[in-house]
Amino acid sequence: SQGTLQAIYEYQSLVCQLTGMEVSNAGMYDGSTAAAEAAIMACIIKRKDRVVILNTVNPGYREVIDTYVRGRNLSLKTIESNSENLSSDCACLIVQQPNFFGHLEKMAAYARQAHDAGVLFITIIDPISLGMFKPPVEYEADIVVGEGQAMGNAISLGGPGLGIFACRKEYIRQMPGRIVGRTLDVD
């Protein structure tokens, strides 16, 4: 079991280095379910029942998020890019970078819009793109999710997926999944 724990710890450390976030879990089922769990986590943290998502997010992700939030009696609202101001009655704003169409979003502007409204900013990332683009911590993301399959899992009949999930340390108690940490003993 120590080898497994070491591998999980190294994976979590890599995700934190890639995203700049403070904590990461041991992985989710895939990117879309990680995004859905992030939306639910935001609703729990903010004690709100409304999720807002940009219409440029992958439609498959939007469907999975909708399924998850409806199952918890939460609502999902899809908005156009820069179409309206966020209201404080929602828990989060979800934006994908790069978006489903391959375009780069103005992440700092969306983060500012979310934080001005008092809601969490969730970003869906492509981990490979982080080799060229700013990590989510630089545009003040609160929760970062994505599909990690491209980081080395072999493709096998459409899978296996690997959901990336990282967040600010202050939200660690609400983060789903396993967390492996490092500690020091008295010696």
N, C-alpha and C. Protein backbone atom coordinates (compact mmCIF):
# COMPACT_ATOMS: atom_id res chain seq x y z
N SER A 1 0.81 -1.20 0.00
CA SER A 1 0.00 0.00 0.00
C SER A 1 0.86 1.26 0.00
N GLN A 2 2.08 1.19 0.54
CA GLN A 2 2.92 2.40 0.57
C GLN A 2 3.28 2.87 -0.83
N GLY A 3 3.48 1.95 -1.77
CA GLY A 3 3.77 2.35 -3.14
C GLY A 3 2.58 3.06 -3.77
N THR A 4 1.37 2.57 -3.48
CA THR A 4 0.16 3.22 -4.00
C THR A 4 0.02 4.62 -3.41
N LEU A 5 0.23 4.73 -2.10
CA LEU A 5 0.14 6.04 -1.45
C LEU A 5 1.18 7.00 -2.02
N GLN A 6 2.39 6.49 -2.25
CA GLN A 6 3.45 7.33 -2.83
C GLN A 6 3.06 7.81 -4.23
N ALA A 7 2.50 6.90 -5.04
CA ALA A 7 2.09 7.27 -6.41
C ALA A 7 0.98 8.31 -6.38
N ILE A 8 0.01 8.14 -5.48
CA ILE A 8 -1.08 9.12 -5.37
C ILE A 8 -0.54 10.47 -4.91
N TYR A 9 0.37 10.45 -3.94
CA TYR A 9 0.97 11.69 -3.45
C TYR A 9 1.71 12.41 -4.58
N GLU A 10 2.46 11.67 -5.37
CA GLU A 10 3.21 12.27 -6.48
C GLU A 10 2.24 12.82 -7.54
N TYR A 11 1.16 12.10 -7.82
CA TYR A 11 0.16 12.58 -8.77
C TYR A 11 -0.45 13.90 -8.28
N GLN A 12 -0.87 13.92 -7.02
CA GLN A 12 -1.47 15.13 -6.45
C GLN A 12 -0.47 16.29 -6.49
N SER A 13 0.79 16.02 -6.21
CA SER A 13 1.82 17.06 -6.26
C SER A 13 1.97 17.60 -7.68
N LEU A 14 1.93 16.73 -8.68
CA LEU A 14 2.03 17.14 -10.08
C LEU A 14 0.86 18.04 -10.46
N VAL A 15 -0.36 17.65 -10.07
CA VAL A 15 -1.54 18.44 -10.39
C VAL A 15 -1.43 19.83 -9.74
N CYS A 16 -0.96 19.88 -8.52
CA CYS A 16 -0.78 21.18 -7.85
C CYS A 16 0.28 22.02 -8.56
N GLN A 17 1.35 21.40 -9.03
CA GLN A 17 2.36 22.15 -9.77
C GLN A 17 1.81 22.67 -11.10
N LEU A 18 1.06 21.86 -11.81
CA LEU A 18 0.48 22.26 -13.09
C LEU A 18 -0.52 23.41 -12.93
N THR A 19 -1.38 23.31 -11.94
CA THR A 19 -2.47 24.27 -11.79
C THR A 19 -2.11 25.45 -10.90
N GLY A 20 -1.11 25.26 -10.03
CA GLY A 20 -0.76 26.29 -9.06
C GLY A 20 -1.66 26.27 -7.84
N MET A 21 -2.60 25.34 -7.79
CA MET A 21 -3.53 25.26 -6.66
C MET A 21 -2.82 24.62 -5.47
N GLU A 22 -3.43 24.77 -4.30
CA GLU A 22 -2.80 24.31 -3.07
C GLU A 22 -3.03 22.83 -2.78
N VAL A 23 -4.19 22.30 -3.16
CA VAL A 23 -4.49 20.90 -2.88
C VAL A 23 -5.14 20.24 -4.09
N SER A 24 -4.94 18.93 -4.18
CA SER A 24 -5.54 18.13 -5.24
C SER A 24 -6.00 16.82 -4.63
N ASN A 25 -7.01 16.22 -5.22
CA ASN A 25 -7.41 14.90 -4.72
C ASN A 25 -6.78 13.81 -5.57
N ALA A 26 -7.10 12.57 -5.27
CA ALA A 26 -6.47 11.44 -5.95
C ALA A 26 -7.11 11.12 -7.29
N GLY A 27 -7.92 11.99 -7.78
CA GLY A 27 -8.51 11.78 -9.11
C GLY A 27 -9.96 11.39 -9.03
N MET A 28 -10.68 11.84 -10.03
CA MET A 28 -12.10 11.54 -10.15
C MET A 28 -12.29 10.58 -11.33
N TYR A 29 -13.52 10.20 -11.60
CA TYR A 29 -13.80 9.25 -12.67
C TYR A 29 -13.34 9.79 -14.03
N ASP A 30 -13.74 11.00 -14.34
CA ASP A 30 -13.32 11.66 -15.58
C ASP A 30 -13.51 13.16 -15.43
N GLY A 31 -13.19 13.92 -16.47
CA GLY A 31 -13.26 15.37 -16.38
C GLY A 31 -14.66 15.91 -16.18
N SER A 32 -15.65 15.28 -16.83
CA SER A 32 -17.02 15.79 -16.71
C SER A 32 -17.59 15.56 -15.32
N THR A 33 -17.31 14.41 -14.72
CA THR A 33 -17.82 14.17 -13.37
C THR A 33 -17.05 15.01 -12.35
N ALA A 34 -15.78 15.29 -12.62
CA ALA A 34 -15.04 16.20 -11.74
C ALA A 34 -15.67 17.58 -11.77
N ALA A 35 -16.08 18.05 -12.96
CA ALA A 35 -16.74 19.34 -13.08
C ALA A 35 -18.08 19.34 -12.34
N ALA A 36 -18.81 18.25 -12.44
CA ALA A 36 -20.09 18.16 -11.74
C ALA A 36 -19.88 18.17 -10.22
N GLU A 37 -18.89 17.44 -9.75
CA GLU A 37 -18.59 17.44 -8.31
C GLU A 37 -18.15 18.82 -7.85
N ALA A 38 -17.42 19.55 -8.69
CA ALA A 38 -16.99 20.90 -8.35
C ALA A 38 -18.19 21.83 -8.20
N ALA A 39 -19.17 21.68 -9.10
CA ALA A 39 -20.38 22.50 -9.02
C ALA A 39 -21.13 22.23 -7.73
N ILE A 40 -21.27 20.96 -7.38
CA ILE A 40 -21.95 20.60 -6.13
C ILE A 40 -21.16 21.12 -4.93
N MET A 41 -19.85 20.98 -4.97
CA MET A 41 -18.99 21.48 -3.89
C MET A 41 -19.19 22.98 -3.71
N ALA A 42 -19.26 23.73 -4.81
CA ALA A 42 -19.47 25.18 -4.73
C ALA A 42 -20.82 25.50 -4.09
N CYS A 43 -21.84 24.73 -4.43
CA CYS A 43 -23.16 24.95 -3.83
C CYS A 43 -23.14 24.70 -2.32
N ILE A 44 -22.39 23.70 -1.91
CA ILE A 44 -22.26 23.42 -0.48
C ILE A 44 -21.51 24.54 0.22
N ILE A 45 -20.40 24.96 -0.36
CA ILE A 45 -19.58 26.02 0.25
C ILE A 45 -20.36 27.33 0.35
N LYS A 46 -21.01 27.71 -0.72
CA LYS A 46 -21.71 29.00 -0.77
C LYS A 46 -23.14 28.94 -0.25
N ARG A 47 -23.61 27.72 0.02
CA ARG A 47 -24.99 27.53 0.49
C ARG A 47 -26.00 28.16 -0.48
N LYS A 48 -25.77 27.91 -1.75
CA LYS A 48 -26.65 28.40 -2.82
C LYS A 48 -27.06 27.20 -3.66
N ASP A 49 -28.15 27.35 -4.41
CA ASP A 49 -28.63 26.20 -5.19
C ASP A 49 -28.64 26.45 -6.69
N ARG A 50 -27.80 27.38 -7.14
CA ARG A 50 -27.78 27.71 -8.56
C ARG A 50 -26.36 27.73 -9.09
N VAL A 51 -26.14 27.04 -10.23
CA VAL A 51 -24.84 26.95 -10.89
C VAL A 51 -24.96 27.67 -12.23
N VAL A 52 -23.95 28.48 -12.56
CA VAL A 52 -23.94 29.18 -13.85
C VAL A 52 -22.75 28.66 -14.65
N ILE A 53 -23.00 28.36 -15.93
CA ILE A 53 -21.96 27.81 -16.79
C ILE A 53 -21.97 28.56 -18.13
N LEU A 54 -20.80 28.76 -18.66
CA LEU A 54 -20.68 29.43 -19.96
C LEU A 54 -21.10 28.48 -21.08
N ASN A 55 -21.73 28.99 -22.12
CA ASN A 55 -22.19 28.15 -23.21
C ASN A 55 -21.06 27.61 -24.08
N THR A 56 -19.83 28.04 -23.84
CA THR A 56 -18.69 27.54 -24.60
C THR A 56 -18.01 26.35 -23.92
N VAL A 57 -18.60 25.86 -22.83
CA VAL A 57 -18.10 24.65 -22.17
C VAL A 57 -18.57 23.44 -22.98
N ASN A 58 -17.74 22.42 -23.04
CA ASN A 58 -18.05 21.18 -23.74
C ASN A 58 -19.49 20.74 -23.45
N PRO A 59 -20.31 20.51 -24.48
CA PRO A 59 -21.71 20.12 -24.27
C PRO A 59 -21.85 18.83 -23.46
N GLY A 60 -20.92 17.90 -23.63
CA GLY A 60 -20.96 16.67 -22.83
C GLY A 60 -20.78 16.96 -21.35
N TYR A 61 -19.88 17.86 -21.03
CA TYR A 61 -19.68 18.28 -19.65
C TYR A 61 -20.94 18.94 -19.11
N ARG A 62 -21.55 19.82 -19.93
CA ARG A 62 -22.75 20.52 -19.48
C ARG A 62 -23.87 19.52 -19.17
N GLU A 63 -23.99 18.47 -19.99
CA GLU A 63 -25.03 17.46 -19.75
C GLU A 63 -24.77 16.71 -18.44
N VAL A 64 -23.53 16.33 -18.20
CA VAL A 64 -23.20 15.60 -16.96
C VAL A 64 -23.44 16.50 -15.75
N ILE A 65 -22.99 17.75 -15.83
CA ILE A 65 -23.21 18.68 -14.72
C ILE A 65 -24.70 18.85 -14.47
N ASP A 66 -25.49 19.01 -15.53
CA ASP A 66 -26.94 19.16 -15.39
C ASP A 66 -27.55 17.94 -14.70
N THR A 67 -27.12 16.75 -15.09
CA THR A 67 -27.64 15.52 -14.47
C THR A 67 -27.32 15.48 -12.98
N TYR A 68 -26.09 15.81 -12.63
CA TYR A 68 -25.69 15.79 -11.22
C TYR A 68 -26.45 16.84 -10.40
N VAL A 69 -26.54 18.06 -10.90
CA VAL A 69 -27.17 19.11 -10.09
C VAL A 69 -28.68 18.89 -9.97
N ARG A 70 -29.32 18.42 -11.05
CA ARG A 70 -30.77 18.15 -10.96
C ARG A 70 -31.05 17.05 -9.94
N GLY A 71 -30.15 16.08 -9.84
CA GLY A 71 -30.32 15.01 -8.87
C GLY A 71 -30.23 15.48 -7.43
N ARG A 72 -29.73 16.69 -7.23
CA ARG A 72 -29.63 17.27 -5.88
C ARG A 72 -30.55 18.47 -5.72
N ASN A 73 -31.51 18.61 -6.62
CA ASN A 73 -32.46 19.73 -6.60
C ASN A 73 -31.78 21.09 -6.69
N LEU A 74 -30.71 21.15 -7.48
CA LEU A 74 -30.02 22.39 -7.77
C LEU A 74 -30.35 22.77 -9.20
N SER A 75 -30.08 24.01 -9.58
CA SER A 75 -30.38 24.41 -10.96
C SER A 75 -29.11 24.82 -11.69
N LEU A 76 -29.14 24.66 -13.00
CA LEU A 76 -28.03 25.02 -13.87
C LEU A 76 -28.51 26.02 -14.88
N LYS A 77 -27.80 27.14 -14.98
CA LYS A 77 -28.14 28.17 -15.97
C LYS A 77 -26.95 28.33 -16.91
N THR A 78 -27.20 28.22 -18.20
CA THR A 78 -26.17 28.41 -19.21
C THR A 78 -26.27 29.84 -19.73
N ILE A 79 -25.13 30.53 -19.77
CA ILE A 79 -25.12 31.91 -20.24
C ILE A 79 -24.17 32.07 -21.42
N GLU A 80 -24.39 33.10 -22.21
CA GLU A 80 -23.52 33.45 -23.32
C GLU A 80 -22.29 34.17 -22.78
N SER A 81 -21.21 34.14 -23.53
CA SER A 81 -20.00 34.87 -23.14
C SER A 81 -20.32 36.34 -22.96
N ASN A 82 -19.90 36.89 -21.82
CA ASN A 82 -20.07 38.31 -21.51
C ASN A 82 -21.51 38.80 -21.67
N SER A 83 -22.49 37.93 -21.53
CA SER A 83 -23.86 38.33 -21.80
C SER A 83 -24.52 39.08 -20.65
N GLU A 84 -24.13 38.76 -19.45
CA GLU A 84 -24.81 39.39 -18.32
C GLU A 84 -23.94 39.33 -17.08
N ASN A 85 -24.30 40.15 -16.13
CA ASN A 85 -23.60 40.12 -14.85
C ASN A 85 -24.11 38.95 -14.03
N LEU A 86 -23.26 38.41 -13.21
CA LEU A 86 -23.68 37.34 -12.32
C LEU A 86 -24.41 37.94 -11.13
N SER A 87 -25.37 37.21 -10.64
CA SER A 87 -26.04 37.67 -9.42
C SER A 87 -25.49 36.87 -8.25
N SER A 88 -25.64 37.42 -7.08
CA SER A 88 -25.09 36.78 -5.89
C SER A 88 -25.91 35.59 -5.43
N ASP A 89 -26.99 35.26 -6.14
CA ASP A 89 -27.79 34.09 -5.73
C ASP A 89 -27.27 32.79 -6.33
N CYS A 90 -26.17 32.85 -7.07
CA CYS A 90 -25.60 31.61 -7.61
C CYS A 90 -24.34 31.24 -6.82
N ALA A 91 -23.95 29.99 -6.92
CA ALA A 91 -22.81 29.48 -6.16
C ALA A 91 -21.49 29.62 -6.92
N CYS A 92 -21.56 29.49 -8.26
CA CYS A 92 -20.32 29.46 -9.02
C CYS A 92 -20.54 29.81 -10.48
N LEU A 93 -19.43 30.15 -11.12
CA LEU A 93 -19.37 30.32 -12.56
C LEU A 93 -18.36 29.32 -13.09
N ILE A 94 -18.75 28.53 -14.09
CA ILE A 94 -17.87 27.51 -14.67
C ILE A 94 -17.49 27.94 -16.09
N VAL A 95 -16.16 27.98 -16.34
CA VAL A 95 -15.63 28.38 -17.65
C VAL A 95 -14.55 27.38 -18.05
N GLN A 96 -14.51 27.03 -19.32
CA GLN A 96 -13.51 26.10 -19.84
C GLN A 96 -12.40 26.86 -20.57
N GLN A 97 -11.14 26.43 -20.35
CA GLN A 97 -9.98 27.07 -20.98
C GLN A 97 -9.00 26.04 -21.50
N PRO A 98 -8.70 25.96 -22.79
CA PRO A 98 -9.42 26.61 -23.88
C PRO A 98 -10.83 26.05 -23.97
N ASN A 99 -11.73 26.85 -24.57
CA ASN A 99 -13.13 26.42 -24.57
C ASN A 99 -13.37 25.28 -25.58
N PHE A 100 -14.60 24.83 -25.67
CA PHE A 100 -14.95 23.70 -26.53
C PHE A 100 -14.59 23.94 -27.99
N PHE A 101 -14.59 25.20 -28.41
CA PHE A 101 -14.30 25.55 -29.80
C PHE A 101 -12.82 25.82 -30.04
N GLY A 102 -12.00 25.68 -29.00
CA GLY A 102 -10.57 25.88 -29.13
C GLY A 102 -10.12 27.31 -28.93
N HIS A 103 -11.03 28.19 -28.59
CA HIS A 103 -10.68 29.59 -28.36
C HIS A 103 -10.27 29.81 -26.91
N LEU A 104 -9.44 30.81 -26.69
CA LEU A 104 -9.02 31.16 -25.34
C LEU A 104 -10.00 32.15 -24.74
N GLU A 105 -10.45 31.86 -23.56
CA GLU A 105 -11.36 32.74 -22.84
C GLU A 105 -10.56 33.80 -22.08
N LYS A 106 -11.20 34.89 -21.75
CA LYS A 106 -10.59 35.95 -20.93
C LYS A 106 -10.80 35.58 -19.46
N MET A 107 -9.96 34.67 -18.99
CA MET A 107 -10.17 34.07 -17.68
C MET A 107 -10.09 35.07 -16.53
N ALA A 108 -9.16 36.01 -16.58
CA ALA A 108 -9.05 36.99 -15.50
C ALA A 108 -10.33 37.82 -15.40
N ALA A 109 -10.93 38.14 -16.53
CA ALA A 109 -12.17 38.93 -16.52
C ALA A 109 -13.32 38.11 -15.92
N TYR A 110 -13.39 36.82 -16.28
CA TYR A 110 -14.44 35.97 -15.70
C TYR A 110 -14.23 35.76 -14.20
N ALA A 111 -12.98 35.60 -13.79
CA ALA A 111 -12.68 35.44 -12.37
C ALA A 111 -13.11 36.69 -11.60
N ARG A 112 -12.79 37.85 -12.15
CA ARG A 112 -13.16 39.11 -11.50
C ARG A 112 -14.68 39.23 -11.42
N GLN A 113 -15.38 38.86 -12.51
CA GLN A 113 -16.83 38.91 -12.52
C GLN A 113 -17.42 38.00 -11.44
N ALA A 114 -16.87 36.79 -11.34
CA ALA A 114 -17.36 35.84 -10.33
C ALA A 114 -17.09 36.35 -8.93
N HIS A 115 -15.88 36.78 -8.67
CA HIS A 115 -15.53 37.22 -7.32
C HIS A 115 -16.25 38.50 -6.93
N ASP A 116 -16.49 39.40 -7.89
CA ASP A 116 -17.27 40.61 -7.60
C ASP A 116 -18.69 40.27 -7.17
N ALA A 117 -19.22 39.17 -7.70
CA ALA A 117 -20.57 38.72 -7.33
C ALA A 117 -20.56 37.85 -6.08
N GLY A 118 -19.37 37.52 -5.58
CA GLY A 118 -19.27 36.69 -4.38
C GLY A 118 -19.48 35.21 -4.65
N VAL A 119 -19.20 34.78 -5.88
CA VAL A 119 -19.36 33.36 -6.23
C VAL A 119 -18.00 32.74 -6.54
N LEU A 120 -17.93 31.43 -6.48
CA LEU A 120 -16.67 30.73 -6.78
C LEU A 120 -16.46 30.65 -8.29
N PHE A 121 -15.19 30.68 -8.67
CA PHE A 121 -14.82 30.58 -10.08
C PHE A 121 -14.22 29.20 -10.31
N ILE A 122 -14.90 28.40 -11.12
CA ILE A 122 -14.46 27.04 -11.44
C ILE A 122 -13.97 27.04 -12.88
N THR A 123 -12.79 26.51 -13.10
CA THR A 123 -12.26 26.44 -14.45
C THR A 123 -12.02 24.99 -14.84
N ILE A 124 -12.40 24.67 -16.06
CA ILE A 124 -12.15 23.35 -16.64
C ILE A 124 -10.94 23.52 -17.55
N ILE A 125 -9.88 22.80 -17.27
CA ILE A 125 -8.62 22.98 -18.00
C ILE A 125 -8.26 21.75 -18.82
N ASP A 126 -7.38 21.97 -19.78
CA ASP A 126 -6.71 20.89 -20.50
C ASP A 126 -5.30 20.88 -19.90
N PRO A 127 -4.91 19.83 -19.18
CA PRO A 127 -3.62 19.86 -18.49
C PRO A 127 -2.42 20.04 -19.42
N ILE A 128 -2.52 19.53 -20.64
CA ILE A 128 -1.41 19.69 -21.59
C ILE A 128 -1.23 21.15 -21.97
N SER A 129 -2.32 21.90 -22.05
CA SER A 129 -2.24 23.32 -22.42
C SER A 129 -1.50 24.14 -21.38
N LEU A 130 -1.45 23.64 -20.15
CA LEU A 130 -0.80 24.40 -19.08
C LEU A 130 0.72 24.48 -19.27
N GLY A 131 1.26 23.72 -20.22
CA GLY A 131 2.67 23.87 -20.56
C GLY A 131 2.93 25.18 -21.29
N MET A 132 1.88 25.76 -21.88
CA MET A 132 2.02 27.01 -22.64
C MET A 132 1.27 28.18 -22.01
N PHE A 133 0.17 27.91 -21.32
CA PHE A 133 -0.69 28.97 -20.82
C PHE A 133 -0.54 29.16 -19.32
N LYS A 134 -1.04 30.28 -18.84
CA LYS A 134 -1.00 30.58 -17.41
C LYS A 134 -1.72 29.50 -16.61
N PRO A 135 -1.17 29.13 -15.46
CA PRO A 135 -1.90 28.19 -14.60
C PRO A 135 -3.12 28.88 -13.99
N PRO A 136 -4.13 28.14 -13.66
CA PRO A 136 -5.37 28.73 -13.13
C PRO A 136 -5.19 29.60 -11.89
N VAL A 137 -4.19 29.32 -11.07
CA VAL A 137 -3.99 30.15 -9.89
C VAL A 137 -3.68 31.59 -10.27
N GLU A 138 -3.07 31.81 -11.44
CA GLU A 138 -2.72 33.16 -11.85
C GLU A 138 -3.93 34.00 -12.25
N TYR A 139 -5.03 33.37 -12.63
CA TYR A 139 -6.25 34.14 -12.88
C TYR A 139 -7.28 33.90 -11.80
N GLU A 140 -6.81 33.48 -10.64
CA GLU A 140 -7.59 33.39 -9.40
C GLU A 140 -8.76 32.41 -9.45
N ALA A 141 -8.53 31.25 -10.04
CA ALA A 141 -9.53 30.19 -10.00
C ALA A 141 -9.65 29.68 -8.56
N ASP A 142 -10.84 29.28 -8.18
CA ASP A 142 -11.07 28.70 -6.85
C ASP A 142 -11.01 27.19 -6.88
N ILE A 143 -11.57 26.61 -7.95
CA ILE A 143 -11.58 25.16 -8.14
C ILE A 143 -11.17 24.90 -9.59
N VAL A 144 -10.31 23.91 -9.79
CA VAL A 144 -9.83 23.57 -11.13
C VAL A 144 -10.12 22.09 -11.38
N VAL A 145 -10.74 21.81 -12.52
CA VAL A 145 -11.03 20.43 -12.90
C VAL A 145 -10.62 20.23 -14.35
N GLY A 146 -10.53 18.99 -14.76
CA GLY A 146 -10.20 18.70 -16.15
C GLY A 146 -10.08 17.21 -16.39
N GLU A 147 -9.86 16.87 -17.64
CA GLU A 147 -9.65 15.49 -18.05
C GLU A 147 -8.16 15.23 -18.10
N GLY A 148 -7.70 14.23 -17.37
CA GLY A 148 -6.27 13.94 -17.30
C GLY A 148 -5.83 12.77 -18.16
N GLN A 149 -6.71 12.19 -18.95
CA GLN A 149 -6.37 11.02 -19.75
C GLN A 149 -5.16 11.28 -20.64
N ALA A 150 -5.04 12.48 -21.16
CA ALA A 150 -3.95 12.80 -22.08
C ALA A 150 -2.58 12.84 -21.41
N MET A 151 -2.55 12.79 -20.09
CA MET A 151 -1.27 12.83 -19.38
C MET A 151 -0.57 11.48 -19.35
N GLY A 152 -1.15 10.48 -20.00
CA GLY A 152 -0.42 9.22 -20.06
C GLY A 152 -1.23 7.96 -19.99
N ASN A 153 -2.52 8.03 -19.72
CA ASN A 153 -3.34 6.82 -19.73
C ASN A 153 -3.52 6.35 -21.16
N ALA A 154 -3.36 5.07 -21.39
CA ALA A 154 -3.58 4.52 -22.73
C ALA A 154 -5.07 4.56 -23.07
N ILE A 155 -5.37 4.84 -24.31
CA ILE A 155 -6.76 4.87 -24.75
C ILE A 155 -7.23 3.43 -24.90
N SER A 156 -8.41 3.13 -24.37
CA SER A 156 -8.92 1.77 -24.43
C SER A 156 -10.44 1.82 -24.58
N LEU A 157 -10.92 1.67 -25.81
CA LEU A 157 -12.35 1.66 -26.09
C LEU A 157 -13.07 2.88 -25.52
N GLY A 158 -12.47 4.06 -25.68
CA GLY A 158 -13.09 5.29 -25.21
C GLY A 158 -12.73 5.66 -23.79
N GLY A 159 -11.88 4.94 -23.13
CA GLY A 159 -11.50 5.23 -21.76
C GLY A 159 -10.10 4.75 -21.54
N PRO A 160 -9.55 4.69 -20.40
CA PRO A 160 -10.14 5.18 -19.16
C PRO A 160 -9.95 6.69 -19.03
N GLY A 161 -10.91 7.33 -18.40
CA GLY A 161 -10.78 8.74 -18.11
C GLY A 161 -10.06 8.93 -16.79
N LEU A 162 -9.70 10.15 -16.52
CA LEU A 162 -9.06 10.50 -15.25
C LEU A 162 -9.43 11.93 -14.94
N GLY A 163 -10.26 12.13 -13.97
CA GLY A 163 -10.69 13.47 -13.62
C GLY A 163 -9.69 14.16 -12.71
N ILE A 164 -9.26 15.33 -13.13
CA ILE A 164 -8.37 16.18 -12.31
C ILE A 164 -9.25 17.07 -11.45
N PHE A 165 -8.85 17.23 -10.20
CA PHE A 165 -9.61 18.09 -9.28
C PHE A 165 -8.63 18.73 -8.30
N ALA A 166 -8.58 20.06 -8.30
CA ALA A 166 -7.72 20.79 -7.38
C ALA A 166 -8.46 22.04 -6.92
N CYS A 167 -8.08 22.54 -5.75
CA CYS A 167 -8.76 23.72 -5.23
C CYS A 167 -7.86 24.46 -4.23
N ARG A 168 -8.39 25.55 -3.73
CA ARG A 168 -7.70 26.30 -2.68
C ARG A 168 -7.78 25.50 -1.37
N LYS A 169 -6.77 25.64 -0.55
CA LYS A 169 -6.70 24.86 0.69
C LYS A 169 -7.91 25.10 1.61
N GLU A 170 -8.45 26.30 1.57
CA GLU A 170 -9.58 26.61 2.45
C GLU A 170 -10.81 25.75 2.16
N TYR A 171 -10.86 25.11 0.98
CA TYR A 171 -12.01 24.29 0.61
C TYR A 171 -11.75 22.79 0.74
N ILE A 172 -10.64 22.42 1.31
CA ILE A 172 -10.23 21.01 1.35
C ILE A 172 -11.26 20.10 2.03
N ARG A 173 -11.95 20.60 3.03
CA ARG A 173 -12.92 19.76 3.75
C ARG A 173 -14.14 19.40 2.92
N GLN A 174 -14.42 20.18 1.88
CA GLN A 174 -15.56 19.89 1.02
C GLN A 174 -15.14 19.17 -0.27
N MET A 175 -13.85 19.00 -0.48
CA MET A 175 -13.36 18.39 -1.72
C MET A 175 -13.66 16.89 -1.73
N PRO A 176 -14.28 16.39 -2.81
CA PRO A 176 -14.58 14.95 -2.89
C PRO A 176 -13.32 14.15 -3.20
N GLY A 177 -13.40 12.87 -2.99
CA GLY A 177 -12.29 11.98 -3.35
C GLY A 177 -11.29 11.79 -2.22
N ARG A 178 -10.23 11.06 -2.56
CA ARG A 178 -9.19 10.75 -1.58
C ARG A 178 -8.08 11.79 -1.65
N ILE A 179 -7.48 12.03 -0.48
CA ILE A 179 -6.34 12.94 -0.40
C ILE A 179 -5.23 12.21 0.35
N VAL A 180 -4.08 12.16 -0.25
CA VAL A 180 -2.91 11.56 0.41
C VAL A 180 -1.96 12.69 0.74
N GLY A 181 -1.54 12.75 1.99
CA GLY A 181 -0.65 13.83 2.41
C GLY A 181 0.66 13.31 2.93
N ARG A 182 1.55 14.22 3.26
CA ARG A 182 2.84 13.89 3.80
C ARG A 182 2.92 14.52 5.18
N THR A 183 3.57 13.84 6.09
CA THR A 183 3.71 14.36 7.45
C THR A 183 5.09 14.03 7.97
N LEU A 184 5.42 14.58 9.08
CA LEU A 184 6.69 14.31 9.76
C LEU A 184 6.41 13.72 11.12
N ASP A 185 7.22 12.74 11.52
CA ASP A 185 7.07 12.21 12.88
C ASP A 185 8.03 12.97 13.80
N VAL A 186 8.12 12.56 15.05
CA VAL A 186 8.94 13.30 16.02
C VAL A 186 10.42 13.27 15.66
N ASP A 187 10.85 12.29 14.86
CA ASP A 187 12.24 12.20 14.44
C ASP A 187 12.49 12.98 13.17
